[in-house]
Protein backbone atom coordinates (compact mmCIF):
# COMPACT_ATOMS: atom_id res chain seq x y z
CA UNK A 1 0.00 0.00 0.00
CA UNK A 2 1.33 3.44 -0.94
CA UNK A 3 1.66 6.05 1.80
CA UNK A 4 1.91 9.78 1.20
CA UNK A 5 3.00 12.76 3.23
CA UNK A 6 1.81 16.31 2.68
CA UNK A 7 3.30 19.78 2.97
CA UNK A 8 1.33 23.04 2.96
CA UNK A 9 3.02 26.38 2.32
CA UNK A 10 1.28 29.65 3.11
CA UNK A 11 2.38 32.58 0.98
CA UNK A 12 1.38 36.19 1.46
CA UNK A 13 1.33 38.72 -1.34
CA UNK A 14 4.29 40.57 0.20
CA UNK A 15 6.40 37.38 0.27
CA UNK A 16 6.35 37.16 -3.50
CA UNK A 17 6.79 40.78 -4.52
CA UNK A 18 3.47 42.58 -4.19
CA UNK A 19 1.06 41.16 -6.71
CA UNK A 20 1.63 37.48 -7.22
CA UNK A 21 4.59 37.09 -9.51
CA UNK A 22 4.45 34.01 -11.74
CA UNK A 23 8.27 33.88 -11.68
CA UNK A 24 8.43 33.79 -7.85
CA UNK A 25 5.69 31.16 -7.70
CA UNK A 26 7.49 29.10 -10.34
CA UNK A 27 10.69 29.26 -8.25
CA UNK A 28 8.84 27.92 -5.19
CA UNK A 29 7.21 25.12 -7.18
CA UNK A 30 10.53 24.09 -8.76
CA UNK A 31 12.35 24.18 -5.39
CA UNK A 32 9.75 21.85 -3.88
CA UNK A 33 9.83 19.55 -6.93
CA UNK A 34 13.60 19.15 -6.54
CA UNK A 35 12.90 17.82 -3.03
CA UNK A 36 10.45 15.26 -4.40
CA UNK A 37 7.22 17.14 -3.69
CA UNK A 38 4.43 17.10 -6.27
CA UNK A 39 1.91 19.96 -6.47
CA UNK A 40 -1.51 18.82 -5.26
CA UNK A 41 -3.47 22.10 -5.03
CA UNK A 42 -3.22 25.89 -4.92
CA UNK A 43 -5.93 27.70 -2.98
CA UNK A 44 -6.45 31.45 -2.83
CA UNK A 45 -7.14 32.65 0.70
CA UNK A 46 -6.95 35.61 3.03
CA UNK A 47 -3.79 35.36 5.15
CA UNK A 48 -3.48 37.21 8.45
CA UNK A 49 -0.94 40.01 8.24
CA UNK A 50 1.83 40.59 10.78
CA UNK A 51 0.31 43.74 12.29
CA UNK A 52 -3.28 44.68 12.99
CA UNK A 53 -6.61 43.11 12.08
CA UNK A 54 -7.60 41.86 8.68
CA UNK A 55 -5.49 40.02 6.18
CA UNK A 56 -3.87 40.12 2.81
CA UNK A 57 -4.38 38.06 -0.29
CA UNK A 58 -2.45 34.83 -0.09
CA UNK A 59 -2.08 31.29 -1.32
CA UNK A 60 -2.08 27.91 0.34
CA UNK A 61 0.05 25.58 -1.75
CA UNK A 62 -0.33 21.86 -1.01
CA UNK A 63 2.24 19.27 -2.05
CA UNK A 64 2.41 15.51 -1.66
CA UNK A 65 5.10 12.86 -2.00
CA UNK A 66 5.44 9.15 -1.42
CA UNK A 67 6.81 8.10 1.94
CA UNK A 68 9.86 5.90 1.42
PDB file of N, CA and C in Angstrom:
ATOM      1  N   UNK A   1       0.840  -1.194   0.000  1.00  0.00           N
ATOM      2  CA  UNK A   1       0.000   0.000   0.000  1.00  0.00           C
ATOM      3  C   UNK A   1       0.882   1.254   0.000  1.00  0.00           C
ATOM      4  N   UNK A   2       0.568   2.202  -0.873  1.00  0.00           N
ATOM      5  CA  UNK A   2       1.332   3.444  -0.942  1.00  0.00           C
ATOM      6  C   UNK A   2       0.917   4.391   0.174  1.00  0.00           C
ATOM      7  N   UNK A   3       1.924   5.042   0.772  1.00  0.00           N
ATOM      8  CA  UNK A   3       1.663   6.052   1.802  1.00  0.00           C
ATOM      9  C   UNK A   3       2.226   7.378   1.324  1.00  0.00           C
ATOM     10  N   UNK A   4       1.516   8.439   1.626  1.00  0.00           N
ATOM     11  CA  UNK A   4       1.912   9.776   1.204  1.00  0.00           C
ATOM     12  C   UNK A   4       2.098  10.671   2.416  1.00  0.00           C
ATOM     13  N   UNK A   5       2.912  11.689   2.247  1.00  0.00           N
ATOM     14  CA  UNK A   5       2.995  12.765   3.232  1.00  0.00           C
ATOM     15  C   UNK A   5       2.682  14.061   2.507  1.00  0.00           C
ATOM     16  N   UNK A   6       2.263  15.058   3.267  1.00  0.00           N
ATOM     17  CA  UNK A   6       1.814  16.315   2.684  1.00  0.00           C
ATOM     18  C   UNK A   6       2.546  17.492   3.311  1.00  0.00           C
ATOM     19  N   UNK A   7       2.662  18.536   2.529  1.00  0.00           N
ATOM     20  CA  UNK A   7       3.298  19.776   2.972  1.00  0.00           C
ATOM     21  C   UNK A   7       2.422  20.914   2.475  1.00  0.00           C
ATOM     22  N   UNK A   8       2.140  21.876   3.342  1.00  0.00           N
ATOM     23  CA  UNK A   8       1.334  23.039   2.961  1.00  0.00           C
ATOM     24  C   UNK A   8       2.155  24.298   3.223  1.00  0.00           C
ATOM     25  N   UNK A   9       2.333  25.097   2.189  1.00  0.00           N
ATOM     26  CA  UNK A   9       3.020  26.380   2.315  1.00  0.00           C
ATOM     27  C   UNK A   9       1.986  27.486   2.251  1.00  0.00           C
ATOM     28  N   UNK A  10       2.147  28.472   3.117  1.00  0.00           N
ATOM     29  CA  UNK A  10       1.281  29.648   3.106  1.00  0.00           C
ATOM     30  C   UNK A  10       2.111  30.806   2.591  1.00  0.00           C
ATOM     31  N   UNK A  11       1.635  31.454   1.555  1.00  0.00           N
ATOM     32  CA  UNK A  11       2.375  32.575   0.982  1.00  0.00           C
ATOM     33  C   UNK A  11       1.500  33.810   0.970  1.00  0.00           C
ATOM     34  N   UNK A  12       2.064  34.898   1.497  1.00  0.00           N
ATOM     35  CA  UNK A  12       1.376  36.195   1.456  1.00  0.00           C
ATOM     36  C   UNK A  12       1.841  36.957   0.234  1.00  0.00           C
ATOM     37  N   UNK A  13       1.016  37.864  -0.201  1.00  0.00           N
ATOM     38  CA  UNK A  13       1.328  38.718  -1.339  1.00  0.00           C
ATOM     39  C   UNK A  13       2.709  39.359  -1.192  1.00  0.00           C
ATOM     40  N   UNK A  14       3.015  39.865  -0.007  1.00  0.00           N
ATOM     41  CA  UNK A  14       4.287  40.571   0.204  1.00  0.00           C
ATOM     42  C   UNK A  14       5.488  39.636   0.118  1.00  0.00           C
ATOM     43  N   UNK A  15       5.299  38.332   0.321  1.00  0.00           N
ATOM     44  CA  UNK A  15       6.404  37.382   0.270  1.00  0.00           C
ATOM     45  C   UNK A  15       6.860  37.134  -1.156  1.00  0.00           C
ATOM     46  N   UNK A  16       5.981  37.430  -2.113  1.00  0.00           N
ATOM     47  CA  UNK A  16       6.346  37.164  -3.501  1.00  0.00           C
ATOM     48  C   UNK A  16       6.244  38.418  -4.358  1.00  0.00           C
ATOM     49  N   UNK A  17       6.612  39.548  -3.750  1.00  0.00           N
ATOM     50  CA  UNK A  17       6.787  40.778  -4.520  1.00  0.00           C
ATOM     51  C   UNK A  17       5.519  41.524  -4.871  1.00  0.00           C
ATOM     52  N   UNK A  18       4.693  41.847  -3.888  1.00  0.00           N
ATOM     53  CA  UNK A  18       3.467  42.584  -4.187  1.00  0.00           C
ATOM     54  C   UNK A  18       2.451  41.666  -4.833  1.00  0.00           C
ATOM     55  N   UNK A  19       1.986  42.041  -5.993  1.00  0.00           N
ATOM     56  CA  UNK A  19       1.061  41.161  -6.707  1.00  0.00           C
ATOM     57  C   UNK A  19       1.764  39.852  -6.997  1.00  0.00           C
ATOM     58  N   UNK A  20       1.019  38.785  -7.046  1.00  0.00           N
ATOM     59  CA  UNK A  20       1.632  37.476  -7.217  1.00  0.00           C
ATOM     60  C   UNK A  20       2.419  37.402  -8.516  1.00  0.00           C
ATOM     61  N   UNK A  21       3.687  37.171  -8.374  1.00  0.00           N
ATOM     62  CA  UNK A  21       4.587  37.086  -9.510  1.00  0.00           C
ATOM     63  C   UNK A  21       4.671  35.636  -9.979  1.00  0.00           C
ATOM     64  N   UNK A  22       4.334  35.369 -11.228  1.00  0.00           N
ATOM     65  CA  UNK A  22       4.451  34.006 -11.740  1.00  0.00           C
ATOM     66  C   UNK A  22       5.876  33.472 -11.613  1.00  0.00           C
ATOM     67  N   UNK A  23       6.877  34.324 -11.782  1.00  0.00           N
ATOM     68  CA  UNK A  23       8.268  33.884 -11.680  1.00  0.00           C
ATOM     69  C   UNK A  23       8.605  33.413 -10.265  1.00  0.00           C
ATOM     70  N   UNK A  24       8.170  34.166  -9.245  1.00  0.00           N
ATOM     71  CA  UNK A  24       8.433  33.787  -7.855  1.00  0.00           C
ATOM     72  C   UNK A  24       7.708  32.486  -7.508  1.00  0.00           C
ATOM     73  N   UNK A  25       6.453  32.373  -7.952  1.00  0.00           N
ATOM     74  CA  UNK A  25       5.690  31.159  -7.695  1.00  0.00           C
ATOM     75  C   UNK A  25       6.346  29.965  -8.385  1.00  0.00           C
ATOM     76  N   UNK A  26       6.805  30.165  -9.602  1.00  0.00           N
ATOM     77  CA  UNK A  26       7.487  29.098 -10.337  1.00  0.00           C
ATOM     78  C   UNK A  26       8.754  28.651  -9.594  1.00  0.00           C
ATOM     79  N   UNK A  27       9.495  29.597  -9.024  1.00  0.00           N
ATOM     80  CA  UNK A  27      10.688  29.260  -8.247  1.00  0.00           C
ATOM     81  C   UNK A  27      10.335  28.367  -7.057  1.00  0.00           C
ATOM     82  N   UNK A  28       9.271  28.722  -6.337  1.00  0.00           N
ATOM     83  CA  UNK A  28       8.838  27.923  -5.186  1.00  0.00           C
ATOM     84  C   UNK A  28       8.442  26.519  -5.638  1.00  0.00           C
ATOM     85  N   UNK A  29       7.657  26.423  -6.697  1.00  0.00           N
ATOM     86  CA  UNK A  29       7.213  25.115  -7.185  1.00  0.00           C
ATOM     87  C   UNK A  29       8.398  24.256  -7.614  1.00  0.00           C
ATOM     88  N   UNK A  30       9.358  24.847  -8.317  1.00  0.00           N
ATOM     89  CA  UNK A  30      10.529  24.095  -8.756  1.00  0.00           C
ATOM     90  C   UNK A  30      11.418  23.680  -7.590  1.00  0.00           C
ATOM     91  N   UNK A  31      11.561  24.540  -6.584  1.00  0.00           N
ATOM     92  CA  UNK A  31      12.345  24.180  -5.393  1.00  0.00           C
ATOM     93  C   UNK A  31      11.733  22.972  -4.688  1.00  0.00           C
ATOM     94  N   UNK A  32      10.422  22.974  -4.540  1.00  0.00           N
ATOM     95  CA  UNK A  32       9.752  21.850  -3.877  1.00  0.00           C
ATOM     96  C   UNK A  32       9.849  20.580  -4.726  1.00  0.00           C
ATOM     97  N   UNK A  33       9.732  20.711  -6.036  1.00  0.00           N
ATOM     98  CA  UNK A  33       9.833  19.548  -6.933  1.00  0.00           C
ATOM     99  C   UNK A  33      11.207  18.897  -6.832  1.00  0.00           C
ATOM    100  N   UNK A  34      12.254  19.705  -6.684  1.00  0.00           N
ATOM    101  CA  UNK A  34      13.603  19.154  -6.539  1.00  0.00           C
ATOM    102  C   UNK A  34      13.744  18.318  -5.272  1.00  0.00           C
ATOM    103  N   UNK A  35      12.885  18.580  -4.286  1.00  0.00           N
ATOM    104  CA  UNK A  35      12.901  17.817  -3.031  1.00  0.00           C
ATOM    105  C   UNK A  35      11.928  16.641  -3.073  1.00  0.00           C
ATOM    106  N   UNK A  36      11.337  16.402  -4.238  1.00  0.00           N
ATOM    107  CA  UNK A  36      10.450  15.257  -4.396  1.00  0.00           C
ATOM    108  C   UNK A  36       8.969  15.533  -4.168  1.00  0.00           C
ATOM    109  N   UNK A  37       8.619  16.787  -3.921  1.00  0.00           N
ATOM    110  CA  UNK A  37       7.219  17.136  -3.689  1.00  0.00           C
ATOM    111  C   UNK A  37       6.511  17.372  -5.009  1.00  0.00           C
ATOM    112  N   UNK A  38       5.264  16.896  -5.094  1.00  0.00           N
ATOM    113  CA  UNK A  38       4.425  17.103  -6.272  1.00  0.00           C
ATOM    114  C   UNK A  38       3.276  18.024  -5.888  1.00  0.00           C
ATOM    115  N   UNK A  39       3.003  19.032  -6.735  1.00  0.00           N
ATOM    116  CA  UNK A  39       1.912  19.964  -6.465  1.00  0.00           C
ATOM    117  C   UNK A  39       0.583  19.222  -6.451  1.00  0.00           C
ATOM    118  N   UNK A  40      -0.192  19.442  -5.398  1.00  0.00           N
ATOM    119  CA  UNK A  40      -1.510  18.824  -5.265  1.00  0.00           C
ATOM    120  C   UNK A  40      -2.618  19.853  -5.482  1.00  0.00           C
ATOM    121  N   UNK A  41      -2.432  21.069  -4.907  1.00  0.00           N
ATOM    122  CA  UNK A  41      -3.470  22.103  -5.025  1.00  0.00           C
ATOM    123  C   UNK A  41      -2.904  23.471  -4.687  1.00  0.00           C
ATOM    124  N   UNK A  42      -3.494  24.501  -5.292  1.00  0.00           N
ATOM    125  CA  UNK A  42      -3.225  25.889  -4.918  1.00  0.00           C
ATOM    126  C   UNK A  42      -4.568  26.521  -4.617  1.00  0.00           C
ATOM    127  N   UNK A  43      -4.683  27.100  -3.422  1.00  0.00           N
ATOM    128  CA  UNK A  43      -5.934  27.696  -2.983  1.00  0.00           C
ATOM    129  C   UNK A  43      -5.712  29.153  -2.624  1.00  0.00           C
ATOM    130  N   UNK A  44      -6.517  30.030  -3.178  1.00  0.00           N
ATOM    131  CA  UNK A  44      -6.451  31.447  -2.832  1.00  0.00           C
ATOM    132  C   UNK A  44      -7.169  31.638  -1.494  1.00  0.00           C
ATOM    133  N   UNK A  45      -6.569  32.452  -0.623  1.00  0.00           N
ATOM    134  CA  UNK A  45      -7.143  32.647   0.701  1.00  0.00           C
ATOM    135  C   UNK A  45      -6.732  34.000   1.252  1.00  0.00           C
ATOM    136  N   UNK A  46      -7.376  34.415   2.318  1.00  0.00           N
ATOM    137  CA  UNK A  46      -6.949  35.613   3.027  1.00  0.00           C
ATOM    138  C   UNK A  46      -6.011  35.161   4.137  1.00  0.00           C
ATOM    139  N   UNK A  47      -4.812  35.734   4.178  1.00  0.00           N
ATOM    140  CA  UNK A  47      -3.795  35.357   5.153  1.00  0.00           C
ATOM    141  C   UNK A  47      -3.635  36.494   6.142  1.00  0.00           C
ATOM    142  N   UNK A  48      -3.634  36.177   7.427  1.00  0.00           N
ATOM    143  CA  UNK A  48      -3.476  37.206   8.446  1.00  0.00           C
ATOM    144  C   UNK A  48      -2.129  37.890   8.286  1.00  0.00           C
ATOM    145  N   UNK A  49      -2.164  39.218   8.324  1.00  0.00           N
ATOM    146  CA  UNK A  49      -0.938  40.007   8.242  1.00  0.00           C
ATOM    147  C   UNK A  49      -0.180  39.989   9.556  1.00  0.00           C
ATOM    148  N   UNK A  50       0.993  40.575   9.568  1.00  0.00           N
ATOM    149  CA  UNK A  50       1.830  40.592  10.775  1.00  0.00           C
ATOM    150  C   UNK A  50       1.318  41.592  11.812  1.00  0.00           C
ATOM    151  N   UNK A  51       0.726  42.697  11.366  1.00  0.00           N
ATOM    152  CA  UNK A  51       0.308  43.743  12.294  1.00  0.00           C
ATOM    153  C   UNK A  51      -1.147  44.100  12.037  1.00  0.00           C
ATOM    154  N   UNK A  52      -1.916  44.200  13.102  1.00  0.00           N
ATOM    155  CA  UNK A  52      -3.284  44.677  12.991  1.00  0.00           C
ATOM    156  C   UNK A  52      -4.270  43.630  12.501  1.00  0.00           C
ATOM    157  N   UNK A  53      -5.546  44.022  12.513  1.00  0.00           N
ATOM    158  CA  UNK A  53      -6.610  43.109  12.083  1.00  0.00           C
ATOM    159  C   UNK A  53      -6.640  42.971  10.564  1.00  0.00           C
ATOM    160  N   UNK A  54      -7.443  42.054  10.119  1.00  0.00           N
ATOM    161  CA  UNK A  54      -7.596  41.865   8.682  1.00  0.00           C
ATOM    162  C   UNK A  54      -6.491  40.999   8.118  1.00  0.00           C
ATOM    163  N   UNK A  55      -6.485  40.865   6.816  1.00  0.00           N
ATOM    164  CA  UNK A  55      -5.494  40.021   6.182  1.00  0.00           C
ATOM    165  C   UNK A  55      -5.129  40.541   4.817  1.00  0.00           C
ATOM    166  N   UNK A  56      -4.284  39.790   4.168  1.00  0.00           N
ATOM    167  CA  UNK A  56      -3.868  40.121   2.811  1.00  0.00           C
ATOM    168  C   UNK A  56      -4.128  38.909   1.933  1.00  0.00           C
ATOM    169  N   UNK A  57      -4.177  39.159   0.639  1.00  0.00           N
ATOM    170  CA  UNK A  57      -4.383  38.062  -0.293  1.00  0.00           C
ATOM    171  C   UNK A  57      -3.211  37.095  -0.183  1.00  0.00           C
ATOM    172  N   UNK A  58      -3.506  35.827  -0.205  1.00  0.00           N
ATOM    173  CA  UNK A  58      -2.454  34.830  -0.085  1.00  0.00           C
ATOM    174  C   UNK A  58      -2.820  33.540  -0.787  1.00  0.00           C
ATOM    175  N   UNK A  59      -1.885  32.613  -0.731  1.00  0.00           N
ATOM    176  CA  UNK A  59      -2.078  31.290  -1.324  1.00  0.00           C
ATOM    177  C   UNK A  59      -1.725  30.220  -0.308  1.00  0.00           C
ATOM    178  N   UNK A  60      -2.463  29.143  -0.346  1.00  0.00           N
ATOM    179  CA  UNK A  60      -2.080  27.914   0.340  1.00  0.00           C
ATOM    180  C   UNK A  60      -1.690  26.940  -0.760  1.00  0.00           C
ATOM    181  N   UNK A  61      -0.460  26.467  -0.710  1.00  0.00           N
ATOM    182  CA  UNK A  61       0.050  25.577  -1.745  1.00  0.00           C
ATOM    183  C   UNK A  61       0.280  24.219  -1.105  1.00  0.00           C
ATOM    184  N   UNK A  62      -0.410  23.203  -1.591  1.00  0.00           N
ATOM    185  CA  UNK A  62      -0.335  21.863  -1.013  1.00  0.00           C
ATOM    186  C   UNK A  62       0.452  20.939  -1.939  1.00  0.00           C
ATOM    187  N   UNK A  63       1.407  20.229  -1.332  1.00  0.00           N
ATOM    188  CA  UNK A  63       2.244  19.273  -2.051  1.00  0.00           C
ATOM    189  C   UNK A  63       2.082  17.902  -1.422  1.00  0.00           C
ATOM    190  N   UNK A  64       2.381  16.859  -2.207  1.00  0.00           N
ATOM    191  CA  UNK A  64       2.415  15.507  -1.660  1.00  0.00           C
ATOM    192  C   UNK A  64       3.609  14.769  -2.232  1.00  0.00           C
ATOM    193  N   UNK A  65       4.069  13.746  -1.489  1.00  0.00           N
ATOM    194  CA  UNK A  65       5.103  12.860  -1.996  1.00  0.00           C
ATOM    195  C   UNK A  65       4.964  11.511  -1.306  1.00  0.00           C
ATOM    196  N   UNK A  66       5.470  10.496  -1.978  1.00  0.00           N
ATOM    197  CA  UNK A  66       5.439   9.155  -1.418  1.00  0.00           C
ATOM    198  C   UNK A  66       6.379   9.068  -0.229  1.00  0.00           C
ATOM    199  N   UNK A  67       5.956   8.352   0.787  1.00  0.00           N
ATOM    200  CA  UNK A  67       6.808   8.097   1.940  1.00  0.00           C
ATOM    201  C   UNK A  67       7.654   6.876   1.601  1.00  0.00           C
ATOM    202  N   UNK A  68       8.952   7.017   1.767  1.00  0.00           N
ATOM    203  CA  UNK A  68       9.864   5.902   1.423  1.00  0.00           C
ATOM    204  C   UNK A  68       9.803   4.781   2.440  1.00  0.00           C
TER     205      UNK A  68
END
